[in-house]
């Protein structure tokens, strides 16, 4: 059976990090493989360009590698990594002045019938337009919550927003989206 390039041996993450920090730097590739799709996806949602997202991913993993010894394990490694990625993305966006939600990345299934595909594209366009109109702070919370499957506590660590603010942003964003999309399909 051929191994996928993204297959990562089932190594305990804490042990893997300890090994890397103790000098086995070549093992860092396993952390990269484990998280590269997520980091690249975050880069695409913020930067909307494959080349920039690829550069972003390299920058994030370089920062992670350089500061891995500082990871204290008070949160999950993925949360710590996403915080670095988020801060890097925010700094990039401030330079470029734009943010694009992962909601814009929804695609139609290949098995869709033509009518289903057309409806899915219309729905996608409606959601994209509605999400585009949300304030950045709402879009960021919605993306991390729904598309990166992060908990409120993890979003707090990543963004620095208090949990109640995050809950409020997600609630308000859903309310705004519901209002904007209520006429769709009806």
Foldseek 3Di string as FASTA:
>chain_A
DDDDPLDAPPDDPVVLLVVCVVPPVVSLVNVCSPCVVVLLLQQCQLPVDNVSSVVLSVVLSVVCSVCSVVDPPPDDPVLVSLLSSLVSSVVVCVVVVGGHACLLVDADDPPDDVVRRVLVVVVSVLLRVQLRPQPPVLRVLCRCCPVVVDDLVSVCSNPVDDSVVSVVSPVVSVVSSCVSCVPPPD
